[in-house]
Amino acid sequence: MDISLKITKEQMQGNVPVMVFHLRGWLDAQGEEILVAEAHTAHEAGARFLLLDLDEVNMLTSAGVRAMQKIHKLFTPGEENSQGSYVKMCSAPPQVYHVLNLTGILQNVPNYESLQAAVVSFKE
């Protein structure tokens, strides 16, 4: 069983262009490095809104939550306006959602039940 994190990227259009990372595998210490590096690359290429599709994430550790915090900080402008989050998640399986809820990250990085609902929730 391959547990390493795999990321498939897709650009989607809602109210704004959204970069979607479809994650598969374990979001752990090794996955943290991969995810943060990919987020930096996307941000440097001009992406300003990022959606993390967690549908196929089997395990989320504290390192994975730390990666989400780093990405949130990267994508959130210094003035952090009240328009909403620049990083969101969707389709978290129950065991992953439980970890997200326990860590409190859902206060800053909201989770949506579906990919489409998350994409259209982004606003300029």
PDB file of N, CA and C in Angstrom:
ATOM      1  N   MET A   1       0.836  -1.186   0.000  1.00  0.00           N
ATOM      2  CA  MET A   1       0.000   0.000   0.000  1.00  0.00           C
ATOM      3  C   MET A   1       0.876   1.242   0.000  1.00  0.00           C
ATOM      4  N   ASP A   2       0.711   2.091  -1.004  1.00  0.00           N
ATOM      5  CA  ASP A   2       1.488   3.316  -1.114  1.00  0.00           C
ATOM      6  C   ASP A   2       0.789   4.418  -0.324  1.00  0.00           C
ATOM      7  N   ILE A   3       1.456   4.898   0.737  1.00  0.00           N
ATOM      8  CA  ILE A   3       0.854   5.916   1.587  1.00  0.00           C
ATOM      9  C   ILE A   3       1.397   7.309   1.310  1.00  0.00           C
ATOM     10  N   SER A   4       2.391   7.417   0.437  1.00  0.00           N
ATOM     11  CA  SER A   4       2.991   8.720   0.176  1.00  0.00           C
ATOM     12  C   SER A   4       1.966   9.657  -0.464  1.00  0.00           C
ATOM     13  N   LEU A   5       2.121  10.939  -0.168  1.00  0.00           N
ATOM     14  CA  LEU A   5       1.183  11.933  -0.664  1.00  0.00           C
ATOM     15  C   LEU A   5       1.381  12.170  -2.153  1.00  0.00           C
ATOM     16  N   LYS A   6       0.280  12.145  -2.876  1.00  0.00           N
ATOM     17  CA  LYS A   6       0.262  12.467  -4.305  1.00  0.00           C
ATOM     18  C   LYS A   6      -0.647  13.676  -4.483  1.00  0.00           C
ATOM     19  N   ILE A   7      -0.242  14.581  -5.362  1.00  0.00           N
ATOM     20  CA  ILE A   7      -1.025  15.790  -5.609  1.00  0.00           C
ATOM     21  C   ILE A   7      -1.290  15.915  -7.106  1.00  0.00           C
ATOM     22  N   THR A   8      -2.555  16.053  -7.448  1.00  0.00           N
ATOM     23  CA  THR A   8      -2.965  16.349  -8.815  1.00  0.00           C
ATOM     24  C   THR A   8      -3.520  17.765  -8.790  1.00  0.00           C
ATOM     25  N   LYS A   9      -3.050  18.599  -9.707  1.00  0.00           N
ATOM     26  CA  LYS A   9      -3.473  20.001  -9.724  1.00  0.00           C
ATOM     27  C   LYS A   9      -4.443  20.259 -10.863  1.00  0.00           C
ATOM     28  N   GLU A  10      -5.376  21.175 -10.604  1.00  0.00           N
ATOM     29  CA  GLU A  10      -6.381  21.535 -11.606  1.00  0.00           C
ATOM     30  C   GLU A  10      -6.797  22.984 -11.365  1.00  0.00           C
ATOM     31  N   GLN A  11      -6.904  23.755 -12.435  1.00  0.00           N
ATOM     32  CA  GLN A  11      -7.404  25.124 -12.338  1.00  0.00           C
ATOM     33  C   GLN A  11      -8.901  25.095 -12.607  1.00  0.00           C
ATOM     34  N   MET A  12      -9.698  25.669 -11.702  1.00  0.00           N
ATOM     35  CA  MET A  12     -11.143  25.727 -11.891  1.00  0.00           C
ATOM     36  C   MET A  12     -11.592  27.178 -11.822  1.00  0.00           C
ATOM     37  N   GLN A  13     -12.693  27.475 -12.476  1.00  0.00           N
ATOM     38  CA  GLN A  13     -13.218  28.834 -12.493  1.00  0.00           C
ATOM     39  C   GLN A  13     -14.532  28.889 -11.747  1.00  0.00           C
ATOM     40  N   GLY A  14     -14.576  29.701 -10.701  1.00  0.00           N
ATOM     41  CA  GLY A  14     -15.822  30.010 -10.008  1.00  0.00           C
ATOM     42  C   GLY A  14     -16.021  31.503 -10.169  1.00  0.00           C
ATOM     43  N   ASN A  15     -16.212  32.207  -9.065  1.00  0.00           N
ATOM     44  CA  ASN A  15     -16.256  33.669  -9.095  1.00  0.00           C
ATOM     45  C   ASN A  15     -14.867  34.231  -9.381  1.00  0.00           C
ATOM     46  N   VAL A  16     -13.857  33.437  -9.027  1.00  0.00           N
ATOM     47  CA  VAL A  16     -12.447  33.769  -9.261  1.00  0.00           C
ATOM     48  C   VAL A  16     -11.750  32.491  -9.716  1.00  0.00           C
ATOM     49  N   PRO A  17     -10.561  32.590 -10.316  1.00  0.00           N
ATOM     50  CA  PRO A  17      -9.822  31.372 -10.653  1.00  0.00           C
ATOM     51  C   PRO A  17      -9.306  30.692  -9.378  1.00  0.00           C
ATOM     52  N   VAL A  18      -9.541  29.407  -9.273  1.00  0.00           N
ATOM     53  CA  VAL A  18      -9.153  28.649  -8.075  1.00  0.00           C
ATOM     54  C   VAL A  18      -8.216  27.514  -8.480  1.00  0.00           C
ATOM     55  N   MET A  19      -7.063  27.443  -7.823  1.00  0.00           N
ATOM     56  CA  MET A  19      -6.158  26.309  -8.011  1.00  0.00           C
ATOM     57  C   MET A  19      -6.613  25.214  -7.049  1.00  0.00           C
ATOM     58  N   VAL A  20      -6.877  24.036  -7.590  1.00  0.00           N
ATOM     59  CA  VAL A  20      -7.338  22.908  -6.783  1.00  0.00           C
ATOM     60  C   VAL A  20      -6.218  21.886  -6.694  1.00  0.00           C
ATOM     61  N   PHE A  21      -5.894  21.491  -5.482  1.00  0.00           N
ATOM     62  CA  PHE A  21      -4.958  20.398  -5.243  1.00  0.00           C
ATOM     63  C   PHE A  21      -5.784  19.200  -4.789  1.00  0.00           C
ATOM     64  N   HIS A  22      -5.825  18.150  -5.612  1.00  0.00           N
ATOM     65  CA  HIS A  22      -6.478  16.898  -5.229  1.00  0.00           C
ATOM     66  C   HIS A  22      -5.411  16.062  -4.519  1.00  0.00           C
ATOM     67  N   LEU A  23      -5.583  15.829  -3.225  1.00  0.00           N
ATOM     68  CA  LEU A  23      -4.594  15.110  -2.427  1.00  0.00           C
ATOM     69  C   LEU A  23      -4.997  13.650  -2.272  1.00  0.00           C
ATOM     70  N   ARG A  24      -4.002  12.761  -2.331  1.00  0.00           N
ATOM     71  CA  ARG A  24      -4.250  11.327  -2.167  1.00  0.00           C
ATOM     72  C   ARG A  24      -3.122  10.735  -1.328  1.00  0.00           C
ATOM     73  N   GLY A  25      -3.480   9.976  -0.300  1.00  0.00           N
ATOM     74  CA  GLY A  25      -2.475   9.318   0.534  1.00  0.00           C
ATOM     75  C   GLY A  25      -2.470   9.889   1.940  1.00  0.00           C
ATOM     76  N   TRP A  26      -1.285   9.906   2.537  1.00  0.00           N
ATOM     77  CA  TRP A  26      -1.130  10.380   3.907  1.00  0.00           C
ATOM     78  C   TRP A  26      -0.565  11.781   3.908  1.00  0.00           C
ATOM     79  N   LEU A  27      -1.188  12.658   4.681  1.00  0.00           N
ATOM     80  CA  LEU A  27      -0.667  14.003   4.869  1.00  0.00           C
ATOM     81  C   LEU A  27       0.045  13.999   6.223  1.00  0.00           C
ATOM     82  N   ASP A  28       1.316  13.607   6.159  1.00  0.00           N
ATOM     83  CA  ASP A  28       2.155  13.467   7.343  1.00  0.00           C
ATOM     84  C   ASP A  28       3.410  14.317   7.159  1.00  0.00           C
ATOM     85  N   ALA A  29       4.499  14.013   7.877  1.00  0.00           N
ATOM     86  CA  ALA A  29       5.726  14.819   7.802  1.00  0.00           C
ATOM     87  C   ALA A  29       6.301  14.850   6.378  1.00  0.00           C
ATOM     88  N   GLN A  30       6.325  13.725   5.700  1.00  0.00           N
ATOM     89  CA  GLN A  30       6.818  13.705   4.320  1.00  0.00           C
ATOM     90  C   GLN A  30       5.870  14.474   3.405  1.00  0.00           C
ATOM     91  N   GLY A  31       4.588  14.288   3.601  1.00  0.00           N
ATOM     92  CA  GLY A  31       3.590  14.978   2.810  1.00  0.00           C
ATOM     93  C   GLY A  31       3.604  16.476   3.041  1.00  0.00           C
ATOM     94  N   GLU A  32       3.951  16.890   4.260  1.00  0.00           N
ATOM     95  CA  GLU A  32       4.027  18.317   4.580  1.00  0.00           C
ATOM     96  C   GLU A  32       4.992  19.026   3.640  1.00  0.00           C
ATOM     97  N   GLU A  33       6.181  18.476   3.476  1.00  0.00           N
ATOM     98  CA  GLU A  33       7.192  19.085   2.607  1.00  0.00           C
ATOM     99  C   GLU A  33       6.689  19.180   1.164  1.00  0.00           C
ATOM    100  N   ILE A  34       6.080  18.119   0.688  1.00  0.00           N
ATOM    101  CA  ILE A  34       5.581  18.077  -0.686  1.00  0.00           C
ATOM    102  C   ILE A  34       4.481  19.120  -0.884  1.00  0.00           C
ATOM    103  N   LEU A  35       3.518  19.146   0.031  1.00  0.00           N
ATOM    104  CA  LEU A  35       2.382  20.049  -0.097  1.00  0.00           C
ATOM    105  C   LEU A  35       2.803  21.517  -0.004  1.00  0.00           C
ATOM    106  N   VAL A  36       3.655  21.846   0.955  1.00  0.00           N
ATOM    107  CA  VAL A  36       4.093  23.236   1.114  1.00  0.00           C
ATOM    108  C   VAL A  36       4.900  23.676  -0.110  1.00  0.00           C
ATOM    109  N   ALA A  37       5.740  22.799  -0.629  1.00  0.00           N
ATOM    110  CA  ALA A  37       6.528  23.140  -1.822  1.00  0.00           C
ATOM    111  C   ALA A  37       5.615  23.393  -3.018  1.00  0.00           C
ATOM    112  N   GLU A  38       4.617  22.549  -3.214  1.00  0.00           N
ATOM    113  CA  GLU A  38       3.672  22.729  -4.324  1.00  0.00           C
ATOM    114  C   GLU A  38       2.868  24.015  -4.158  1.00  0.00           C
ATOM    115  N   ALA A  39       2.495  24.345  -2.921  1.00  0.00           N
ATOM    116  CA  ALA A  39       1.747  25.577  -2.663  1.00  0.00           C
ATOM    117  C   ALA A  39       2.604  26.802  -2.977  1.00  0.00           C
ATOM    118  N   HIS A  40       3.878  26.759  -2.586  1.00  0.00           N
ATOM    119  CA  HIS A  40       4.796  27.864  -2.909  1.00  0.00           C
ATOM    120  C   HIS A  40       4.917  28.035  -4.423  1.00  0.00           C
ATOM    121  N   THR A  41       5.068  26.936  -5.124  1.00  0.00           N
ATOM    122  CA  THR A  41       5.194  26.980  -6.583  1.00  0.00           C
ATOM    123  C   THR A  41       3.941  27.589  -7.212  1.00  0.00           C
ATOM    124  N   ALA A  42       2.778  27.162  -6.764  1.00  0.00           N
ATOM    125  CA  ALA A  42       1.514  27.686  -7.304  1.00  0.00           C
ATOM    126  C   ALA A  42       1.375  29.178  -6.994  1.00  0.00           C
ATOM    127  N   HIS A  43       1.729  29.571  -5.789  1.00  0.00           N
ATOM    128  CA  HIS A  43       1.621  30.982  -5.395  1.00  0.00           C
ATOM    129  C   HIS A  43       2.564  31.844  -6.219  1.00  0.00           C
ATOM    130  N   GLU A  44       3.784  31.368  -6.408  1.00  0.00           N
ATOM    131  CA  GLU A  44       4.765  32.107  -7.217  1.00  0.00           C
ATOM    132  C   GLU A  44       4.316  32.216  -8.676  1.00  0.00           C
ATOM    133  N   ALA A  45       3.539  31.238  -9.131  1.00  0.00           N
ATOM    134  CA  ALA A  45       3.032  31.249 -10.512  1.00  0.00           C
ATOM    135  C   ALA A  45       1.776  32.115 -10.661  1.00  0.00           C
ATOM    136  N   GLY A  46       1.301  32.691  -9.545  1.00  0.00           N
ATOM    137  CA  GLY A  46       0.175  33.610  -9.625  1.00  0.00           C
ATOM    138  C   GLY A  46      -1.125  33.145  -9.003  1.00  0.00           C
ATOM    139  N   ALA A  47      -1.191  31.929  -8.499  1.00  0.00           N
ATOM    140  CA  ALA A  47      -2.421  31.454  -7.855  1.00  0.00           C
ATOM    141  C   ALA A  47      -2.659  32.252  -6.574  1.00  0.00           C
ATOM    142  N   ARG A  48      -3.882  32.694  -6.364  1.00  0.00           N
ATOM    143  CA  ARG A  48      -4.216  33.457  -5.156  1.00  0.00           C
ATOM    144  C   ARG A  48      -5.305  32.800  -4.326  1.00  0.00           C
ATOM    145  N   PHE A  49      -5.983  31.819  -4.903  1.00  0.00           N
ATOM    146  CA  PHE A  49      -7.027  31.084  -4.191  1.00  0.00           C
ATOM    147  C   PHE A  49      -6.727  29.594  -4.349  1.00  0.00           C
ATOM    148  N   LEU A  50      -6.648  28.882  -3.218  1.00  0.00           N
ATOM    149  CA  LEU A  50      -6.258  27.469  -3.233  1.00  0.00           C
ATOM    150  C   LEU A  50      -7.304  26.629  -2.520  1.00  0.00           C
ATOM    151  N   LEU A  51      -7.693  25.552  -3.172  1.00  0.00           N
ATOM    152  CA  LEU A  51      -8.627  24.596  -2.591  1.00  0.00           C
ATOM    153  C   LEU A  51      -7.919  23.256  -2.436  1.00  0.00           C
ATOM    154  N   LEU A  52      -7.950  22.717  -1.222  1.00  0.00           N
ATOM    155  CA  LEU A  52      -7.368  21.408  -0.945  1.00  0.00           C
ATOM    156  C   LEU A  52      -8.495  20.379  -0.915  1.00  0.00           C
ATOM    157  N   ASP A  53      -8.521  19.503  -1.905  1.00  0.00           N
ATOM    158  CA  ASP A  53      -9.518  18.435  -1.981  1.00  0.00           C
ATOM    159  C   ASP A  53      -8.978  17.246  -1.189  1.00  0.00           C
ATOM    160  N   LEU A  54      -9.613  16.975  -0.053  1.00  0.00           N
ATOM    161  CA  LEU A  54      -9.120  15.949   0.876  1.00  0.00           C
ATOM    162  C   LEU A  54      -9.818  14.604   0.719  1.00  0.00           C
ATOM    163  N   ASP A  55     -10.599  14.446  -0.322  1.00  0.00           N
ATOM    164  CA  ASP A  55     -11.426  13.252  -0.507  1.00  0.00           C
ATOM    165  C   ASP A  55     -10.635  11.944  -0.379  1.00  0.00           C
ATOM    166  N   GLU A  56      -9.402  11.912  -0.856  1.00  0.00           N
ATOM    167  CA  GLU A  56      -8.625  10.672  -0.839  1.00  0.00           C
ATOM    168  C   GLU A  56      -7.469  10.713   0.152  1.00  0.00           C
ATOM    169  N   VAL A  57      -7.572  11.591   1.163  1.00  0.00           N
ATOM    170  CA  VAL A  57      -6.557  11.624   2.229  1.00  0.00           C
ATOM    171  C   VAL A  57      -6.954  10.571   3.258  1.00  0.00           C
ATOM    172  N   ASN A  58      -6.056   9.612   3.479  1.00  0.00           N
ATOM    173  CA  ASN A  58      -6.345   8.508   4.395  1.00  0.00           C
ATOM    174  C   ASN A  58      -5.924   8.801   5.833  1.00  0.00           C
ATOM    175  N   MET A  59      -4.901   9.655   5.980  1.00  0.00           N
ATOM    176  CA  MET A  59      -4.362   9.936   7.312  1.00  0.00           C
ATOM    177  C   MET A  59      -3.912  11.384   7.349  1.00  0.00           C
ATOM    178  N   LEU A  60      -4.253  12.084   8.431  1.00  0.00           N
ATOM    179  CA  LEU A  60      -3.815  13.457   8.645  1.00  0.00           C
ATOM    180  C   LEU A  60      -3.143  13.519  10.005  1.00  0.00           C
ATOM    181  N   THR A  61      -1.858  13.886  10.019  1.00  0.00           N
ATOM    182  CA  THR A  61      -1.115  14.004  11.271  1.00  0.00           C
ATOM    183  C   THR A  61      -0.919  15.473  11.615  1.00  0.00           C
ATOM    184  N   SER A  62      -0.276  15.734  12.747  1.00  0.00           N
ATOM    185  CA  SER A  62      -0.010  17.116  13.156  1.00  0.00           C
ATOM    186  C   SER A  62       0.863  17.827  12.130  1.00  0.00           C
ATOM    187  N   ALA A  63       1.747  17.110  11.465  1.00  0.00           N
ATOM    188  CA  ALA A  63       2.580  17.719  10.420  1.00  0.00           C
ATOM    189  C   ALA A  63       1.720  18.160   9.236  1.00  0.00           C
ATOM    190  N   GLY A  64       0.691  17.407   8.929  1.00  0.00           N
ATOM    191  CA  GLY A  64      -0.223  17.786   7.862  1.00  0.00           C
ATOM    192  C   GLY A  64      -1.011  19.034   8.213  1.00  0.00           C
ATOM    193  N   VAL A  65      -1.429  19.122   9.467  1.00  0.00           N
ATOM    194  CA  VAL A  65      -2.134  20.323   9.928  1.00  0.00           C
ATOM    195  C   VAL A  65      -1.185  21.519   9.880  1.00  0.00           C
ATOM    196  N   ARG A  66       0.060  21.299  10.271  1.00  0.00           N
ATOM    197  CA  ARG A  66       1.068  22.368  10.208  1.00  0.00           C
ATOM    198  C   ARG A  66       1.250  22.850   8.765  1.00  0.00           C
ATOM    199  N   ALA A  67       1.238  21.925   7.814  1.00  0.00           N
ATOM    200  CA  ALA A  67       1.346  22.296   6.398  1.00  0.00           C
ATOM    201  C   ALA A  67       0.186  23.203   6.006  1.00  0.00           C
ATOM    202  N   MET A  68      -1.016  22.879   6.452  1.00  0.00           N
ATOM    203  CA  MET A  68      -2.188  23.701   6.138  1.00  0.00           C
ATOM    204  C   MET A  68      -2.047  25.097   6.736  1.00  0.00           C
ATOM    205  N   GLN A  69      -1.507  25.173   7.948  1.00  0.00           N
ATOM    206  CA  GLN A  69      -1.293  26.476   8.581  1.00  0.00           C
ATOM    207  C   GLN A  69      -0.277  27.304   7.795  1.00  0.00           C
ATOM    208  N   LYS A  70       0.792  26.682   7.341  1.00  0.00           N
ATOM    209  CA  LYS A  70       1.809  27.381   6.551  1.00  0.00           C
ATOM    210  C   LYS A  70       1.207  27.895   5.244  1.00  0.00           C
ATOM    211  N   ILE A  71       0.397  27.075   4.609  1.00  0.00           N
ATOM    212  CA  ILE A  71      -0.224  27.456   3.337  1.00  0.00           C
ATOM    213  C   ILE A  71      -1.222  28.592   3.560  1.00  0.00           C
ATOM    214  N   HIS A  72      -1.989  28.513   4.624  1.00  0.00           N
ATOM    215  CA  HIS A  72      -2.928  29.584   4.950  1.00  0.00           C
ATOM    216  C   HIS A  72      -2.176  30.902   5.111  1.00  0.00           C
ATOM    217  N   LYS A  73      -1.067  30.864   5.814  1.00  0.00           N
ATOM    218  CA  LYS A  73      -0.269  32.074   6.023  1.00  0.00           C
ATOM    219  C   LYS A  73       0.295  32.590   4.690  1.00  0.00           C
ATOM    220  N   LEU A  74       0.751  31.694   3.840  1.00  0.00           N
ATOM    221  CA  LEU A  74       1.311  32.063   2.545  1.00  0.00           C
ATOM    222  C   LEU A  74       0.275  32.763   1.658  1.00  0.00           C
ATOM    223  N   PHE A  75      -0.935  32.233   1.620  1.00  0.00           N
ATOM    224  CA  PHE A  75      -1.959  32.737   0.710  1.00  0.00           C
ATOM    225  C   PHE A  75      -2.777  33.898   1.274  1.00  0.00           C
ATOM    226  N   THR A  76      -2.674  34.166   2.568  1.00  0.00           N
ATOM    227  CA  THR A  76      -3.461  35.233   3.165  1.00  0.00           C
ATOM    228  C   THR A  76      -2.661  36.525   3.148  1.00  0.00           C
ATOM    229  N   PRO A  77      -3.180  37.547   2.458  1.00  0.00           N
ATOM    230  CA  PRO A  77      -2.464  38.826   2.402  1.00  0.00           C
ATOM    231  C   PRO A  77      -2.253  39.412   3.794  1.00  0.00           C
ATOM    232  N   GLY A  78      -1.227  40.218   3.931  1.00  0.00           N
ATOM    233  CA  GLY A  78      -0.888  40.819   5.220  1.00  0.00           C
ATOM    234  C   GLY A  78      -2.033  41.549   5.884  1.00  0.00           C
ATOM    235  N   GLU A  79      -2.849  42.249   5.090  1.00  0.00           N
ATOM    236  CA  GLU A  79      -3.963  43.003   5.683  1.00  0.00           C
ATOM    237  C   GLU A  79      -5.130  42.105   6.061  1.00  0.00           C
ATOM    238  N   GLU A  80      -5.108  40.853   5.614  1.00  0.00           N
ATOM    239  CA  GLU A  80      -6.142  39.842   5.912  1.00  0.00           C
ATOM    240  C   GLU A  80      -7.534  40.462   5.949  1.00  0.00           C
ATOM    241  N   ASN A  81      -8.016  40.824   4.769  1.00  0.00           N
ATOM    242  CA  ASN A  81      -9.328  41.477   4.702  1.00  0.00           C
ATOM    243  C   ASN A  81     -10.438  40.530   5.123  1.00  0.00           C
ATOM    244  N   SER A  82     -11.608  41.082   5.296  1.00  0.00           N
ATOM    245  CA  SER A  82     -12.726  40.293   5.826  1.00  0.00           C
ATOM    246  C   SER A  82     -13.524  39.585   4.729  1.00  0.00           C
ATOM    247  N   GLN A  83     -13.009  39.569   3.513  1.00  0.00           N
ATOM    248  CA  GLN A  83     -13.736  38.967   2.401  1.00  0.00           C
ATOM    249  C   GLN A  83     -13.831  37.443   2.502  1.00  0.00           C
ATOM    250  N   GLY A  84     -12.993  36.838   3.284  1.00  0.00           N
ATOM    251  CA  GLY A  84     -13.053  35.389   3.420  1.00  0.00           C
ATOM    252  C   GLY A  84     -11.686  34.761   3.264  1.00  0.00           C
ATOM    253  N   SER A  85     -11.663  33.464   3.304  1.00  0.00           N
ATOM    254  CA  SER A  85     -10.417  32.725   3.267  1.00  0.00           C
ATOM    255  C   SER A  85      -9.907  32.559   1.835  1.00  0.00           C
ATOM    256  N   TYR A  86      -8.594  32.575   1.695  1.00  0.00           N
ATOM    257  CA  TYR A  86      -7.947  32.361   0.403  1.00  0.00           C
ATOM    258  C   TYR A  86      -7.574  30.889   0.221  1.00  0.00           C
ATOM    259  N   VAL A  87      -7.659  30.134   1.318  1.00  0.00           N
ATOM    260  CA  VAL A  87      -7.409  28.691   1.286  1.00  0.00           C
ATOM    261  C   VAL A  87      -8.619  28.013   1.912  1.00  0.00           C
ATOM    262  N   LYS A  88      -9.131  27.009   1.213  1.00  0.00           N
ATOM    263  CA  LYS A  88     -10.274  26.253   1.727  1.00  0.00           C
ATOM    264  C   LYS A  88     -10.029  24.775   1.463  1.00  0.00           C
ATOM    265  N   MET A  89     -10.855  23.952   2.102  1.00  0.00           N
ATOM    266  CA  MET A  89     -10.765  22.505   1.928  1.00  0.00           C
ATOM    267  C   MET A  89     -12.139  21.983   1.548  1.00  0.00           C
ATOM    268  N   CYS A  90     -12.147  20.786   0.980  1.00  0.00           N
ATOM    269  CA  CYS A  90     -13.424  20.142   0.700  1.00  0.00           C
ATOM    270  C   CYS A  90     -13.296  18.630   0.811  1.00  0.00           C
ATOM    271  N   SER A  91     -14.440  18.015   1.007  1.00  0.00           N
ATOM    272  CA  SER A  91     -14.590  16.554   0.942  1.00  0.00           C
ATOM    273  C   SER A  91     -13.731  15.784   1.937  1.00  0.00           C
ATOM    274  N   ALA A  92     -13.512  16.346   3.118  1.00  0.00           N
ATOM    275  CA  ALA A  92     -12.707  15.642   4.127  1.00  0.00           C
ATOM    276  C   ALA A  92     -13.452  14.401   4.617  1.00  0.00           C
ATOM    277  N   PRO A  93     -12.802  13.231   4.560  1.00  0.00           N
ATOM    278  CA  PRO A  93     -13.424  12.025   5.107  1.00  0.00           C
ATOM    279  C   PRO A  93     -13.632  12.188   6.625  1.00  0.00           C
ATOM    280  N   PRO A  94     -14.532  11.427   7.224  1.00  0.00           N
ATOM    281  CA  PRO A  94     -14.843  11.595   8.654  1.00  0.00           C
ATOM    282  C   PRO A  94     -13.617  11.592   9.570  1.00  0.00           C
ATOM    283  N   GLN A  95     -12.675  10.665   9.351  1.00  0.00           N
ATOM    284  CA  GLN A  95     -11.512  10.590  10.240  1.00  0.00           C
ATOM    285  C   GLN A  95     -10.609  11.814  10.081  1.00  0.00           C
ATOM    286  N   VAL A  96     -10.538  12.379   8.887  1.00  0.00           N
ATOM    287  CA  VAL A  96      -9.737  13.574   8.635  1.00  0.00           C
ATOM    288  C   VAL A  96     -10.465  14.799   9.192  1.00  0.00           C
ATOM    289  N   TYR A  97     -11.755  14.874   8.984  1.00  0.00           N
ATOM    290  CA  TYR A  97     -12.547  15.991   9.500  1.00  0.00           C
ATOM    291  C   TYR A  97     -12.431  16.052  11.023  1.00  0.00           C
ATOM    292  N   HIS A  98     -12.442  14.907  11.662  1.00  0.00           N
ATOM    293  CA  HIS A  98     -12.323  14.841  13.119  1.00  0.00           C
ATOM    294  C   HIS A  98     -11.016  15.502  13.583  1.00  0.00           C
ATOM    295  N   VAL A  99      -9.916  15.197  12.915  1.00  0.00           N
ATOM    296  CA  VAL A  99      -8.621  15.798  13.262  1.00  0.00           C
ATOM    297  C   VAL A  99      -8.661  17.307  13.005  1.00  0.00           C
ATOM    298  N   LEU A 100      -9.220  17.721  11.872  1.00  0.00           N
ATOM    299  CA  LEU A 100      -9.318  19.149  11.555  1.00  0.00           C
ATOM    300  C   LEU A 100     -10.112  19.883  12.630  1.00  0.00           C
ATOM    301  N   ASN A 101     -11.185  19.269  13.074  1.00  0.00           N
ATOM    302  CA  ASN A 101     -12.028  19.876  14.091  1.00  0.00           C
ATOM    303  C   ASN A 101     -11.295  19.971  15.427  1.00  0.00           C
ATOM    304  N   LEU A 102     -10.611  18.919  15.818  1.00  0.00           N
ATOM    305  CA  LEU A 102      -9.877  18.911  17.090  1.00  0.00           C
ATOM    306  C   LEU A 102      -8.770  19.960  17.134  1.00  0.00           C
ATOM    307  N   THR A 103      -8.106  20.180  16.000  1.00  0.00           N
ATOM    308  CA  THR A 103      -6.967  21.103  15.976  1.00  0.00           C
ATOM    309  C   THR A 103      -7.388  22.565  15.890  1.00  0.00           C
ATOM    310  N   GLY A 104      -8.633  22.833  15.537  1.00  0.00           N
ATOM    311  CA  GLY A 104      -9.114  24.200  15.434  1.00  0.00           C
ATOM    312  C   GLY A 104      -8.810  24.878  14.105  1.00  0.00           C
ATOM    313  N   ILE A 105      -8.205  24.170  13.171  1.00  0.00           N
ATOM    314  CA  ILE A 105      -7.851  24.794  11.890  1.00  0.00           C
ATOM    315  C   ILE A 105      -9.080  25.207  11.093  1.00  0.00           C
ATOM    316  N   LEU A 106     -10.217  24.596  11.373  1.00  0.00           N
ATOM    317  CA  LEU A 106     -11.446  24.939  10.651  1.00  0.00           C
ATOM    318  C   LEU A 106     -11.906  26.372  10.928  1.00  0.00           C
ATOM    319  N   GLN A 107     -11.365  26.994  11.973  1.00  0.00           N
ATOM    320  CA  GLN A 107     -11.692  28.395  12.258  1.00  0.00           C
ATOM    321  C   GLN A 107     -11.108  29.311  11.192  1.00  0.00           C
ATOM    322  N   ASN A 108      -9.979  28.919  10.595  1.00  0.00           N
ATOM    323  CA  ASN A 108      -9.308  29.736   9.583  1.00  0.00           C
ATOM    324  C   ASN A 108      -9.421  29.176   8.175  1.00  0.00           C
ATOM    325  N   VAL A 109      -9.520  27.865   8.065  1.00  0.00           N
ATOM    326  CA  VAL A 109      -9.563  27.207   6.761  1.00  0.00           C
ATOM    327  C   VAL A 109     -10.844  26.361   6.713  1.00  0.00           C
ATOM    328  N   PRO A 110     -11.907  26.914   6.113  1.00  0.00           N
ATOM    329  CA  PRO A 110     -13.181  26.204   6.113  1.00  0.00           C
ATOM    330  C   PRO A 110     -13.179  24.967   5.219  1.00  0.00           C
ATOM    331  N   ASN A 111     -14.023  24.011   5.588  1.00  0.00           N
ATOM    332  CA  ASN A 111     -14.190  22.782   4.814  1.00  0.00           C
ATOM    333  C   ASN A 111     -15.604  22.744   4.244  1.00  0.00           C
ATOM    334  N   TYR A 112     -15.707  22.370   2.977  1.00  0.00           N
ATOM    335  CA  TYR A 112     -16.998  22.256   2.300  1.00  0.00           C
ATOM    336  C   TYR A 112     -17.244  20.792   1.962  1.00  0.00           C
ATOM    337  N   GLU A 113     -18.516  20.428   1.859  1.00  0.00           N
ATOM    338  CA  GLU A 113     -18.860  19.038   1.593  1.00  0.00           C
ATOM    339  C   GLU A 113     -18.547  18.614   0.174  1.00  0.00           C
ATOM    340  N   SER A 114     -18.583  19.568  -0.773  1.00  0.00           N
ATOM    341  CA  SER A 114     -18.331  19.196  -2.167  1.00  0.00           C
ATOM    342  C   SER A 114     -17.319  20.145  -2.801  1.00  0.00           C
ATOM    343  N   LEU A 115     -16.691  19.659  -3.835  1.00  0.00           N
ATOM    344  CA  LEU A 115     -15.729  20.439  -4.598  1.00  0.00           C
ATOM    345  C   LEU A 115     -16.397  21.673  -5.195  1.00  0.00           C
ATOM    346  N   GLN A 116     -17.553  21.490  -5.817  1.00  0.00           N
ATOM    347  CA  GLN A 116     -18.233  22.602  -6.486  1.00  0.00           C
ATOM    348  C   GLN A 116     -18.659  23.681  -5.489  1.00  0.00           C
ATOM    349  N   ALA A 117     -19.177  23.286  -4.329  1.00  0.00           N
ATOM    350  CA  ALA A 117     -19.583  24.266  -3.313  1.00  0.00           C
ATOM    351  C   ALA A 117     -18.377  25.086  -2.841  1.00  0.00           C
ATOM    352  N   ALA A 118     -17.244  24.436  -2.720  1.00  0.00           N
ATOM    353  CA  ALA A 118     -16.030  25.137  -2.281  1.00  0.00           C
ATOM    354  C   ALA A 118     -15.549  26.108  -3.350  1.00  0.00           C
ATOM    355  N   VAL A 119     -15.541  25.683  -4.607  1.00  0.00           N
ATOM    356  CA  VAL A 119     -15.046  26.537  -5.694  1.00  0.00           C
ATOM    357  C   VAL A 119     -15.880  27.809  -5.784  1.00  0.00           C
ATOM    358  N   VAL A 120     -17.190  27.711  -5.724  1.00  0.00           N
ATOM    359  CA  VAL A 120     -18.030  28.903  -5.870  1.00  0.00           C
ATOM    360  C   VAL A 120     -18.043  29.775  -4.615  1.00  0.00           C
ATOM    361  N   SER A 121     -17.517  29.264  -3.499  1.00  0.00           N
ATOM    362  CA  SER A 121     -17.491  30.053  -2.261  1.00  0.00           C
ATOM    363  C   SER A 121     -16.393  31.113  -2.251  1.00  0.00           C
ATOM    364  N   PHE A 122     -15.387  30.981  -3.133  1.00  0.00           N
ATOM    365  CA  PHE A 122     -14.301  31.959  -3.176  1.00  0.00           C
ATOM    366  C   PHE A 122     -14.800  33.259  -3.791  1.00  0.00           C
ATOM    367  N   LYS A 123     -14.409  34.370  -3.171  1.00  0.00           N
ATOM    368  CA  LYS A 123     -14.789  35.694  -3.662  1.00  0.00           C
ATOM    369  C   LYS A 123     -13.532  36.558  -3.718  1.00  0.00           C
ATOM    370  N   GLU A 124     -13.522  37.531  -4.630  1.00  0.00           N
ATOM    371  CA  GLU A 124     -12.406  38.484  -4.759  1.00  0.00           C
ATOM    372  C   GLU A 124     -12.239  39.261  -3.489  1.00  0.00           C
TER     373      GLU A 124
END
